[in-house]
Structures are given as structure tokens and as C-alpha cells.
Amino acid sequence: QKTAREAAVKAEATEKTTAEAKEATEKTAAEKAEKERAEKEFVVA
């Protein structure tokens, strides 16, 4: 059980890191698109 737990904890940590990286990438892309839209097209409030 301890061995399985350690593997599960490691997998959970990897999943969390992957999810956080994906969220950060999506946030950066959204901010870039938002900035470009404001500079070239329109601003939403």
C-alpha cells in the first residue's frame, strides 16, 4: 500500500503540474489576444 501510495502521490503531483502549466499557457494566450484586440480592434468592459 505504501508503494502504491507513493506512486499515486507522484502521479497526482505530475497531474497538478501539468494542469497548472496548461492554465498558465491559456492565460498567457488570452492576455495576448486581449491586448491585441484592444490595440487593433475593440475593448470589452
All heavy atoms as atom14 arrays in JSON, in Angstrom:
{
  "sequence": "QKTAREAAVKAEATEKTTAEAKEATEKTAAEKAEKERAEKEFVVA",
  "atom14_mask": [
    [1, 1, 1, 1, 1, 1, 1, 1, 1, 0, 0, 0, 0, 0],
    [1, 1, 1, 1, 1, 1, 1, 1, 1, 0, 0, 0, 0, 0],
    [1, 1, 1, 1, 1, 1, 1, 0, 0, 0, 0, 0, 0, 0],
    [1, 1, 1, 1, 1, 0, 0, 0, 0, 0, 0, 0, 0, 0],
    [1, 1, 1, 1, 1, 1, 1, 1, 1, 1, 1, 0, 0, 0],
    [1, 1, 1, 1, 1, 1, 1, 1, 1, 0, 0, 0, 0, 0],
    [1, 1, 1, 1, 1, 0, 0, 0, 0, 0, 0, 0, 0, 0],
    [1, 1, 1, 1, 1, 0, 0, 0, 0, 0, 0, 0, 0, 0],
    [1, 1, 1, 1, 1, 1, 1, 0, 0, 0, 0, 0, 0, 0],
    [1, 1, 1, 1, 1, 1, 1, 1, 1, 0, 0, 0, 0, 0],
    [1, 1, 1, 1, 1, 0, 0, 0, 0, 0, 0, 0, 0, 0],
    [1, 1, 1, 1, 1, 1, 1, 1, 1, 0, 0, 0, 0, 0],
    [1, 1, 1, 1, 1, 0, 0, 0, 0, 0, 0, 0, 0, 0],
    [1, 1, 1, 1, 1, 1, 1, 0, 0, 0, 0, 0, 0, 0],
    [1, 1, 1, 1, 1, 1, 1, 1, 1, 0, 0, 0, 0, 0],
    [1, 1, 1, 1, 1, 1, 1, 1, 1, 0, 0, 0, 0, 0],
    [1, 1, 1, 1, 1, 1, 1, 0, 0, 0, 0, 0, 0, 0],
    [1, 1, 1, 1, 1, 1, 1, 0, 0, 0, 0, 0, 0, 0],
    [1, 1, 1, 1, 1, 0, 0, 0, 0, 0, 0, 0, 0, 0],
    [1, 1, 1, 1, 1, 1, 1, 1, 1, 0, 0, 0, 0, 0],
    [1, 1, 1, 1, 1, 0, 0, 0, 0, 0, 0, 0, 0, 0],
    [1, 1, 1, 1, 1, 1, 1, 1, 1, 0, 0, 0, 0, 0],
    [1, 1, 1, 1, 1, 1, 1, 1, 1, 0, 0, 0, 0, 0],
    [1, 1, 1, 1, 1, 0, 0, 0, 0, 0, 0, 0, 0, 0],
    [1, 1, 1, 1, 1, 1, 1, 0, 0, 0, 0, 0, 0, 0],
    [1, 1, 1, 1, 1, 1, 1, 1, 1, 0, 0, 0, 0, 0],
    [1, 1, 1, 1, 1, 1, 1, 1, 1, 0, 0, 0, 0, 0],
    [1, 1, 1, 1, 1, 1, 1, 0, 0, 0, 0, 0, 0, 0],
    [1, 1, 1, 1, 1, 0, 0, 0, 0, 0, 0, 0, 0, 0],
    [1, 1, 1, 1, 1, 0, 0, 0, 0, 0, 0, 0, 0, 0],
    [1, 1, 1, 1, 1, 1, 1, 1, 1, 0, 0, 0, 0, 0],
    [1, 1, 1, 1, 1, 1, 1, 1, 1, 0, 0, 0, 0, 0],
    [1, 1, 1, 1, 1, 0, 0, 0, 0, 0, 0, 0, 0, 0],
    [1, 1, 1, 1, 1, 1, 1, 1, 1, 0, 0, 0, 0, 0],
    [1, 1, 1, 1, 1, 1, 1, 1, 1, 0, 0, 0, 0, 0],
    [1, 1, 1, 1, 1, 1, 1, 1, 1, 0, 0, 0, 0, 0],
    [1, 1, 1, 1, 1, 1, 1, 1, 1, 1, 1, 0, 0, 0],
    [1, 1, 1, 1, 1, 0, 0, 0, 0, 0, 0, 0, 0, 0],
    [1, 1, 1, 1, 1, 1, 1, 1, 1, 0, 0, 0, 0, 0],
    [1, 1, 1, 1, 1, 1, 1, 1, 1, 0, 0, 0, 0, 0],
    [1, 1, 1, 1, 1, 1, 1, 1, 1, 0, 0, 0, 0, 0],
    [1, 1, 1, 1, 1, 1, 1, 1, 1, 1, 1, 0, 0, 0],
    [1, 1, 1, 1, 1, 1, 1, 0, 0, 0, 0, 0, 0, 0],
    [1, 1, 1, 1, 1, 1, 1, 0, 0, 0, 0, 0, 0, 0],
    [1, 1, 1, 1, 1, 0, 0, 0, 0, 0, 0, 0, 0, 0]
  ],
  "atom14_positions": [
    [[0.84, -1.2, 0.0], [0.0, 0.0, 0.0], [0.87, 1.25, 0.0], [0.57, 2.23, -0.69], [-0.91, 0.01, 1.23], [-1.9, 1.16, 1.24], [-2.59, 1.34, 2.57], [-1.98, 1.81, 3.52], [-3.88, 0.97, 2.62], [0.0, 0.0, 0.0], [0.0, 0.0, 0.0], [0.0, 0.0, 0.0], [0.0, 0.0, 0.0], [0.0, 0.0, 0.0]],
    [[1.95, 1.24, 0.77], [2.86, 2.38, 0.83], [3.48, 2.66, -0.54], [3.56, 3.81, -0.97], [3.96, 2.13, 1.86], [4.94, 3.27, 1.99], [6.02, 2.96, 3.01], [7.03, 4.11, 3.09], [8.13, 3.82, 4.04], [0.0, 0.0, 0.0], [0.0, 0.0, 0.0], [0.0, 0.0, 0.0], [0.0, 0.0, 0.0], [0.0, 0.0, 0.0]],
    [[3.88, 1.59, -1.21], [4.46, 1.74, -2.55], [3.44, 2.34, -3.51], [3.75, 3.24, -4.3], [4.94, 0.38, -3.08], [5.93, -0.16, -2.19], [5.55, 0.51, -4.47], [0.0, 0.0, 0.0], [0.0, 0.0, 0.0], [0.0, 0.0, 0.0], [0.0, 0.0, 0.0], [0.0, 0.0, 0.0], [0.0, 0.0, 0.0], [0.0, 0.0, 0.0]],
    [[2.19, 1.82, -3.43], [1.13, 2.33, -4.29], [0.81, 3.78, -3.96], [0.55, 4.59, -4.86], [-0.12, 1.47, -4.14], [0.0, 0.0, 0.0], [0.0, 0.0, 0.0], [0.0, 0.0, 0.0], [0.0, 0.0, 0.0], [0.0, 0.0, 0.0], [0.0, 0.0, 0.0], [0.0, 0.0, 0.0], [0.0, 0.0, 0.0], [0.0, 0.0, 0.0]],
    [[0.85, 4.11, -2.65], [0.58, 5.49, -2.23], [1.63, 6.44, -2.79], [1.29, 7.51, -3.29], [0.55, 5.58, -0.71], [0.25, 7.0, -0.2], [0.52, 7.16, 1.29], [-0.09, 6.1, 2.05], [0.59, 5.28, 2.85], [1.9, 5.41, 2.99], [-0.05, 4.35, 3.54], [0.0, 0.0, 0.0], [0.0, 0.0, 0.0], [0.0, 0.0, 0.0]],
    [[2.87, 6.08, -2.69], [3.95, 6.93, -3.18], [3.82, 7.16, -4.68], [4.04, 8.27, -5.18], [5.31, 6.3, -2.86], [5.63, 6.31, -1.37], [6.88, 5.53, -1.03], [7.37, 4.78, -1.9], [7.38, 5.67, 0.12], [0.0, 0.0, 0.0], [0.0, 0.0, 0.0], [0.0, 0.0, 0.0], [0.0, 0.0, 0.0], [0.0, 0.0, 0.0]],
    [[3.44, 6.11, -5.41], [3.24, 6.24, -6.86], [2.05, 7.16, -7.16], [2.09, 7.98, -8.09], [3.02, 4.87, -7.48], [0.0, 0.0, 0.0], [0.0, 0.0, 0.0], [0.0, 0.0, 0.0], [0.0, 0.0, 0.0], [0.0, 0.0, 0.0], [0.0, 0.0, 0.0], [0.0, 0.0, 0.0], [0.0, 0.0, 0.0], [0.0, 0.0, 0.0]],
    [[0.98, 7.0, -6.35], [-0.22, 7.82, -6.54], [0.06, 9.29, -6.26], [-0.37, 10.18, -7.0], [-1.35, 7.32, -5.66], [0.0, 0.0, 0.0], [0.0, 0.0, 0.0], [0.0, 0.0, 0.0], [0.0, 0.0, 0.0], [0.0, 0.0, 0.0], [0.0, 0.0, 0.0], [0.0, 0.0, 0.0], [0.0, 0.0, 0.0], [0.0, 0.0, 0.0]],
    [[0.81, 9.53, -5.17], [1.16, 10.91, -4.81], [1.99, 11.55, -5.91], [1.8, 12.72, -6.27], [1.91, 10.95, -3.46], [2.49, 12.33, -3.21], [0.99, 10.55, -2.32], [0.0, 0.0, 0.0], [0.0, 0.0, 0.0], [0.0, 0.0, 0.0], [0.0, 0.0, 0.0], [0.0, 0.0, 0.0], [0.0, 0.0, 0.0], [0.0, 0.0, 0.0]],
    [[2.92, 10.79, -6.45], [3.77, 11.29, -7.53], [2.94, 11.6, -8.78], [3.12, 12.63, -9.44], [4.84, 10.26, -7.86], [5.87, 10.73, -8.88], [6.95, 9.69, -9.09], [7.98, 10.2, -10.11], [9.06, 9.2, -10.33], [0.0, 0.0, 0.0], [0.0, 0.0, 0.0], [0.0, 0.0, 0.0], [0.0, 0.0, 0.0], [0.0, 0.0, 0.0]],
    [[2.01, 10.7, -9.09], [1.14, 10.91, -10.26], [0.24, 12.13, -10.07], [0.03, 12.91, -11.0], [0.29, 9.67, -10.5], [0.0, 0.0, 0.0], [0.0, 0.0, 0.0], [0.0, 0.0, 0.0], [0.0, 0.0, 0.0], [0.0, 0.0, 0.0], [0.0, 0.0, 0.0], [0.0, 0.0, 0.0], [0.0, 0.0, 0.0], [0.0, 0.0, 0.0]],
    [[-0.28, 12.29, -8.85], [-1.13, 13.44, -8.54], [-0.34, 14.75, -8.69], [-0.86, 15.75, -9.2], [-1.68, 13.32, -7.12], [-2.74, 12.22, -6.98], [-3.05, 11.89, -5.54], [-2.48, 12.56, -4.63], [-3.84, 10.96, -5.28], [0.0, 0.0, 0.0], [0.0, 0.0, 0.0], [0.0, 0.0, 0.0], [0.0, 0.0, 0.0], [0.0, 0.0, 0.0]],
    [[0.91, 14.73, -8.24], [1.75, 15.92, -8.35], [2.03, 16.26, -9.82], [2.02, 17.43, -10.22], [3.06, 15.71, -7.6], [0.0, 0.0, 0.0], [0.0, 0.0, 0.0], [0.0, 0.0, 0.0], [0.0, 0.0, 0.0], [0.0, 0.0, 0.0], [0.0, 0.0, 0.0], [0.0, 0.0, 0.0], [0.0, 0.0, 0.0], [0.0, 0.0, 0.0]],
    [[2.26, 15.22, -10.63], [2.51, 15.42, -12.06], [1.28, 15.99, -12.74], [1.36, 16.91, -13.56], [2.91, 14.09, -12.72], [4.11, 13.6, -12.11], [3.15, 14.29, -14.21], [0.0, 0.0, 0.0], [0.0, 0.0, 0.0], [0.0, 0.0, 0.0], [0.0, 0.0, 0.0], [0.0, 0.0, 0.0], [0.0, 0.0, 0.0], [0.0, 0.0, 0.0]],
    [[0.11, 15.43, -12.4], [-1.16, 15.92, -12.97], [-1.38, 17.39, -12.6], [-1.81, 18.19, -13.45], [-2.32, 15.07, -12.47], [-2.36, 13.67, -13.04], [-3.48, 12.83, -12.45], [-4.23, 13.37, -11.6], [-3.61, 11.65, -12.81], [0.0, 0.0, 0.0], [0.0, 0.0, 0.0], [0.0, 0.0, 0.0], [0.0, 0.0, 0.0], [0.0, 0.0, 0.0]],
    [[-1.07, 17.73, -11.35], [-1.25, 19.11, -10.89], [-0.31, 20.05, -11.65], [-0.73, 21.12, -12.11], [-0.98, 19.21, -9.4], [-1.15, 20.63, -8.84], [-0.91, 20.66, -7.35], [-1.08, 22.08, -6.8], [-0.86, 22.15, -5.35], [0.0, 0.0, 0.0], [0.0, 0.0, 0.0], [0.0, 0.0, 0.0], [0.0, 0.0, 0.0], [0.0, 0.0, 0.0]],
    [[0.94, 19.65, -11.81], [1.92, 20.47, -12.52], [1.5, 20.67, -13.97], [1.58, 21.77, -14.52], [3.31, 19.83, -12.47], [3.71, 19.7, -11.1], [4.33, 20.67, -13.21], [0.0, 0.0, 0.0], [0.0, 0.0, 0.0], [0.0, 0.0, 0.0], [0.0, 0.0, 0.0], [0.0, 0.0, 0.0], [0.0, 0.0, 0.0], [0.0, 0.0, 0.0]],
    [[1.03, 19.59, -14.59], [0.59, 19.66, -15.99], [-0.61, 20.58, -16.14], [-0.68, 21.4, -17.07], [0.23, 18.26, -16.51], [1.37, 17.4, -16.4], [-0.23, 18.31, -17.96], [0.0, 0.0, 0.0], [0.0, 0.0, 0.0], [0.0, 0.0, 0.0], [0.0, 0.0, 0.0], [0.0, 0.0, 0.0], [0.0, 0.0, 0.0], [0.0, 0.0, 0.0]],
    [[-1.57, 20.46, -15.22], [-2.78, 21.3, -15.26], [-2.42, 22.76, -15.05], [-2.95, 23.65, -15.74], [-3.78, 20.84, -14.22], [0.0, 0.0, 0.0], [0.0, 0.0, 0.0], [0.0, 0.0, 0.0], [0.0, 0.0, 0.0], [0.0, 0.0, 0.0], [0.0, 0.0, 0.0], [0.0, 0.0, 0.0], [0.0, 0.0, 0.0], [0.0, 0.0, 0.0]],
    [[-1.53, 23.05, -14.1], [-1.12, 24.43, -13.83], [-0.39, 25.03, -15.03], [-0.59, 26.21, -15.36], [-0.22, 24.47, -12.59], [-0.97, 24.22, -11.3], [-0.06, 24.17, -10.08], [1.16, 23.93, -10.27], [-0.55, 24.37, -8.95], [0.0, 0.0, 0.0], [0.0, 0.0, 0.0], [0.0, 0.0, 0.0], [0.0, 0.0, 0.0], [0.0, 0.0, 0.0]],
    [[0.44, 24.21, -15.69], [1.17, 24.68, -16.87], [0.19, 25.0, -18.0], [0.34, 26.01, -18.71], [2.17, 23.63, -17.33], [0.0, 0.0, 0.0], [0.0, 0.0, 0.0], [0.0, 0.0, 0.0], [0.0, 0.0, 0.0], [0.0, 0.0, 0.0], [0.0, 0.0, 0.0], [0.0, 0.0, 0.0], [0.0, 0.0, 0.0], [0.0, 0.0, 0.0]],
    [[-0.82, 24.15, -18.16], [-1.84, 24.38, -19.19], [-2.61, 25.66, -18.91], [-2.85, 26.47, -19.81], [-2.8, 23.2, -19.25], [-3.88, 23.36, -20.32], [-4.84, 22.17, -20.3], [-5.94, 22.37, -21.33], [-6.93, 21.26, -21.3], [0.0, 0.0, 0.0], [0.0, 0.0, 0.0], [0.0, 0.0, 0.0], [0.0, 0.0, 0.0], [0.0, 0.0, 0.0]],
    [[-2.99, 25.87, -17.65], [-3.72, 27.07, -17.27], [-2.88, 28.32, -17.5], [-3.38, 29.34, -17.96], [-4.13, 26.98, -15.8], [-5.22, 25.96, -15.53], [-5.45, 25.72, -14.05], [-4.84, 26.43, -13.22], [-6.22, 24.82, -13.69], [0.0, 0.0, 0.0], [0.0, 0.0, 0.0], [0.0, 0.0, 0.0], [0.0, 0.0, 0.0], [0.0, 0.0, 0.0]],
    [[-1.58, 28.24, -17.19], [-0.69, 29.37, -17.39], [-0.54, 29.7, -18.87], [-0.55, 30.88, -19.27], [0.68, 29.07, -16.78], [0.0, 0.0, 0.0], [0.0, 0.0, 0.0], [0.0, 0.0, 0.0], [0.0, 0.0, 0.0], [0.0, 0.0, 0.0], [0.0, 0.0, 0.0], [0.0, 0.0, 0.0], [0.0, 0.0, 0.0], [0.0, 0.0, 0.0]],
    [[-0.43, 28.66, -19.69], [-0.32, 28.86, -21.14], [-1.58, 29.49, -21.71], [-1.52, 30.42, -22.52], [-0.06, 27.51, -21.85], [1.17, 26.95, -21.37], [0.04, 27.7, -23.36], [0.0, 0.0, 0.0], [0.0, 0.0, 0.0], [0.0, 0.0, 0.0], [0.0, 0.0, 0.0], [0.0, 0.0, 0.0], [0.0, 0.0, 0.0], [0.0, 0.0, 0.0]],
    [[-2.74, 29.0, -21.27], [-4.01, 29.54, -21.74], [-4.19, 30.98, -21.29], [-4.71, 31.81, -22.04], [-5.16, 28.67, -21.23], [-5.21, 27.29, -21.86], [-6.27, 26.4, -21.26], [-6.77, 26.74, -20.15], [-6.61, 25.37, -21.87], [0.0, 0.0, 0.0], [0.0, 0.0, 0.0], [0.0, 0.0, 0.0], [0.0, 0.0, 0.0], [0.0, 0.0, 0.0]],
    [[-3.75, 31.29, -20.07], [-3.85, 32.65, -19.55], [-2.97, 33.6, -20.37], [-3.41, 34.7, -20.73], [-3.43, 32.69, -18.09], [-3.49, 34.09, -17.48], [-3.09, 34.08, -16.02], [-3.15, 35.49, -15.43], [-2.77, 35.51, -14.0], [0.0, 0.0, 0.0], [0.0, 0.0, 0.0], [0.0, 0.0, 0.0], [0.0, 0.0, 0.0], [0.0, 0.0, 0.0]],
    [[-1.75, 33.17, -20.67], [-0.84, 34.0, -21.46], [-1.41, 34.26, -22.85], [-1.37, 35.39, -23.35], [0.54, 33.32, -21.59], [1.09, 33.14, -20.28], [1.48, 34.16, -22.43], [0.0, 0.0, 0.0], [0.0, 0.0, 0.0], [0.0, 0.0, 0.0], [0.0, 0.0, 0.0], [0.0, 0.0, 0.0], [0.0, 0.0, 0.0], [0.0, 0.0, 0.0]],
    [[-1.96, 33.22, -23.46], [-2.55, 33.36, -24.8], [-3.76, 34.29, -24.76], [-3.95, 35.13, -25.66], [-2.96, 31.99, -25.33], [0.0, 0.0, 0.0], [0.0, 0.0, 0.0], [0.0, 0.0, 0.0], [0.0, 0.0, 0.0], [0.0, 0.0, 0.0], [0.0, 0.0, 0.0], [0.0, 0.0, 0.0], [0.0, 0.0, 0.0], [0.0, 0.0, 0.0]],
    [[-4.59, 34.16, -23.71], [-5.78, 35.0, -23.58], [-5.39, 36.46, -23.37], [-6.01, 37.37, -23.93], [-6.65, 34.51, -22.42], [0.0, 0.0, 0.0], [0.0, 0.0, 0.0], [0.0, 0.0, 0.0], [0.0, 0.0, 0.0], [0.0, 0.0, 0.0], [0.0, 0.0, 0.0], [0.0, 0.0, 0.0], [0.0, 0.0, 0.0], [0.0, 0.0, 0.0]],
    [[-4.38, 36.69, -22.54], [-3.91, 38.06, -22.29], [-3.34, 38.69, -23.56], [-3.57, 39.87, -23.83], [-2.85, 38.06, -21.19], [-3.42, 37.78, -19.8], [-2.33, 37.68, -18.75], [-1.15, 37.47, -19.12], [-2.65, 37.82, -17.55], [0.0, 0.0, 0.0], [0.0, 0.0, 0.0], [0.0, 0.0, 0.0], [0.0, 0.0, 0.0], [0.0, 0.0, 0.0]],
    [[-2.61, 37.89, -24.34], [-2.04, 38.38, -25.59], [-3.15, 38.75, -26.58], [-3.12, 39.81, -27.2], [-1.13, 37.33, -26.21], [-0.47, 37.76, -27.5], [0.42, 36.67, -28.07], [1.04, 37.11, -29.39], [1.89, 36.04, -29.97], [0.0, 0.0, 0.0], [0.0, 0.0, 0.0], [0.0, 0.0, 0.0], [0.0, 0.0, 0.0], [0.0, 0.0, 0.0]],
    [[-4.13, 37.85, -26.7], [-5.26, 38.11, -27.6], [-6.05, 39.33, -27.15], [-6.49, 40.14, -27.97], [-6.17, 36.88, -27.66], [0.0, 0.0, 0.0], [0.0, 0.0, 0.0], [0.0, 0.0, 0.0], [0.0, 0.0, 0.0], [0.0, 0.0, 0.0], [0.0, 0.0, 0.0], [0.0, 0.0, 0.0], [0.0, 0.0, 0.0], [0.0, 0.0, 0.0]],
    [[-6.22, 39.46, -25.84], [-6.94, 40.6, -25.26], [-6.22, 41.91, -25.57], [-6.84, 42.91, -25.94], [-7.03, 40.39, -23.75], [-7.92, 41.34, -23.0], [-8.0, 40.94, -21.54], [-7.12, 41.36, -20.76], [-8.92, 40.2, -21.18], [0.0, 0.0, 0.0], [0.0, 0.0, 0.0], [0.0, 0.0, 0.0], [0.0, 0.0, 0.0], [0.0, 0.0, 0.0]],
    [[-4.9, 41.9, -25.44], [-4.09, 43.1, -25.71], [-4.15, 43.47, -27.19], [-4.33, 44.64, -27.55], [-2.65, 42.86, -25.29], [-1.74, 44.06, -25.49], [-0.33, 43.77, -25.02], [0.58, 44.98, -25.25], [1.97, 44.7, -24.82], [0.0, 0.0, 0.0], [0.0, 0.0, 0.0], [0.0, 0.0, 0.0], [0.0, 0.0, 0.0], [0.0, 0.0, 0.0]],
    [[-4.01, 42.47, -28.05], [-4.05, 42.73, -29.5], [-5.42, 43.25, -29.91], [-5.53, 44.14, -30.75], [-3.71, 41.45, -30.26], [-2.25, 41.02, -30.1], [-1.95, 39.73, -30.84], [-2.92, 39.03, -31.24], [-0.76, 39.4, -30.99], [0.0, 0.0, 0.0], [0.0, 0.0, 0.0], [0.0, 0.0, 0.0], [0.0, 0.0, 0.0], [0.0, 0.0, 0.0]],
    [[-6.48, 42.68, -29.32], [-7.83, 43.13, -29.66], [-8.04, 44.57, -29.24], [-8.63, 45.37, -29.97], [-8.86, 42.23, -28.99], [-10.3, 42.52, -29.4], [-11.27, 41.55, -28.78], [-11.39, 41.75, -27.35], [-11.16, 40.84, -26.44], [-10.76, 39.64, -26.8], [-11.29, 41.1, -25.16], [0.0, 0.0, 0.0], [0.0, 0.0, 0.0], [0.0, 0.0, 0.0]],
    [[-7.51, 44.92, -28.05], [-7.66, 46.29, -27.55], [-6.88, 47.27, -28.4], [-7.31, 48.41, -28.62], [-7.19, 46.36, -26.1], [0.0, 0.0, 0.0], [0.0, 0.0, 0.0], [0.0, 0.0, 0.0], [0.0, 0.0, 0.0], [0.0, 0.0, 0.0], [0.0, 0.0, 0.0], [0.0, 0.0, 0.0], [0.0, 0.0, 0.0], [0.0, 0.0, 0.0]],
    [[-5.71, 46.86, -28.9], [-4.86, 47.76, -29.69], [-5.36, 47.91, -31.13], [-5.25, 48.99, -31.71], [-3.42, 47.22, -29.72], [-2.71, 47.3, -28.37], [-1.34, 46.66, -28.41], [-1.05, 45.92, -29.38], [-0.55, 46.9, -27.47], [0.0, 0.0, 0.0], [0.0, 0.0, 0.0], [0.0, 0.0, 0.0], [0.0, 0.0, 0.0], [0.0, 0.0, 0.0]],
    [[-5.92, 46.85, -31.69], [-6.25, 46.87, -33.12], [-7.75, 46.87, -33.43], [-8.15, 47.32, -34.5], [-5.62, 45.66, -33.81], [-4.11, 45.61, -33.69], [-3.55, 44.35, -34.33], [-2.04, 44.26, -34.18], [-1.51, 43.02, -34.79], [0.0, 0.0, 0.0], [0.0, 0.0, 0.0], [0.0, 0.0, 0.0], [0.0, 0.0, 0.0], [0.0, 0.0, 0.0]],
    [[-8.57, 46.39, -32.48], [-9.98, 46.22, -32.82], [-10.93, 46.91, -31.83], [-11.46, 47.97, -32.13], [-10.3, 44.72, -32.92], [-9.52, 44.03, -34.03], [-9.69, 42.54, -34.02], [-9.05, 41.86, -33.21], [-10.49, 42.06, -34.84], [0.0, 0.0, 0.0], [0.0, 0.0, 0.0], [0.0, 0.0, 0.0], [0.0, 0.0, 0.0], [0.0, 0.0, 0.0]],
    [[-11.13, 46.31, -30.67], [-12.06, 46.91, -29.72], [-11.76, 46.43, -28.32], [-11.06, 45.45, -28.1], [-13.52, 46.57, -30.1], [-13.84, 45.1, -30.12], [-14.43, 44.49, -29.02], [-13.56, 44.34, -31.24], [-14.73, 43.14, -29.04], [-13.86, 42.97, -31.26], [-14.44, 42.38, -30.17], [0.0, 0.0, 0.0], [0.0, 0.0, 0.0], [0.0, 0.0, 0.0]],
    [[-12.32, 47.16, -27.36], [-12.14, 46.86, -25.94], [-13.49, 46.47, -25.34], [-14.49, 47.13, -25.61], [-11.56, 48.07, -25.18], [-11.44, 47.76, -23.69], [-10.2, 48.45, -25.75], [0.0, 0.0, 0.0], [0.0, 0.0, 0.0], [0.0, 0.0, 0.0], [0.0, 0.0, 0.0], [0.0, 0.0, 0.0], [0.0, 0.0, 0.0], [0.0, 0.0, 0.0]],
    [[-13.5, 45.43, -24.54], [-14.73, 44.97, -23.88], [-14.68, 45.35, -22.4], [-13.67, 45.12, -21.74], [-14.9, 43.46, -24.0], [-16.24, 43.02, -23.39], [-14.83, 43.03, -25.45], [0.0, 0.0, 0.0], [0.0, 0.0, 0.0], [0.0, 0.0, 0.0], [0.0, 0.0, 0.0], [0.0, 0.0, 0.0], [0.0, 0.0, 0.0], [0.0, 0.0, 0.0]],
    [[-15.75, 45.93, -21.9], [-15.86, 46.26, -20.48], [-17.17, 45.66, -19.96], [-18.19, 45.72, -20.63], [-15.84, 47.76, -20.26], [0.0, 0.0, 0.0], [0.0, 0.0, 0.0], [0.0, 0.0, 0.0], [0.0, 0.0, 0.0], [0.0, 0.0, 0.0], [0.0, 0.0, 0.0], [0.0, 0.0, 0.0], [0.0, 0.0, 0.0], [0.0, 0.0, 0.0]]
  ]
}
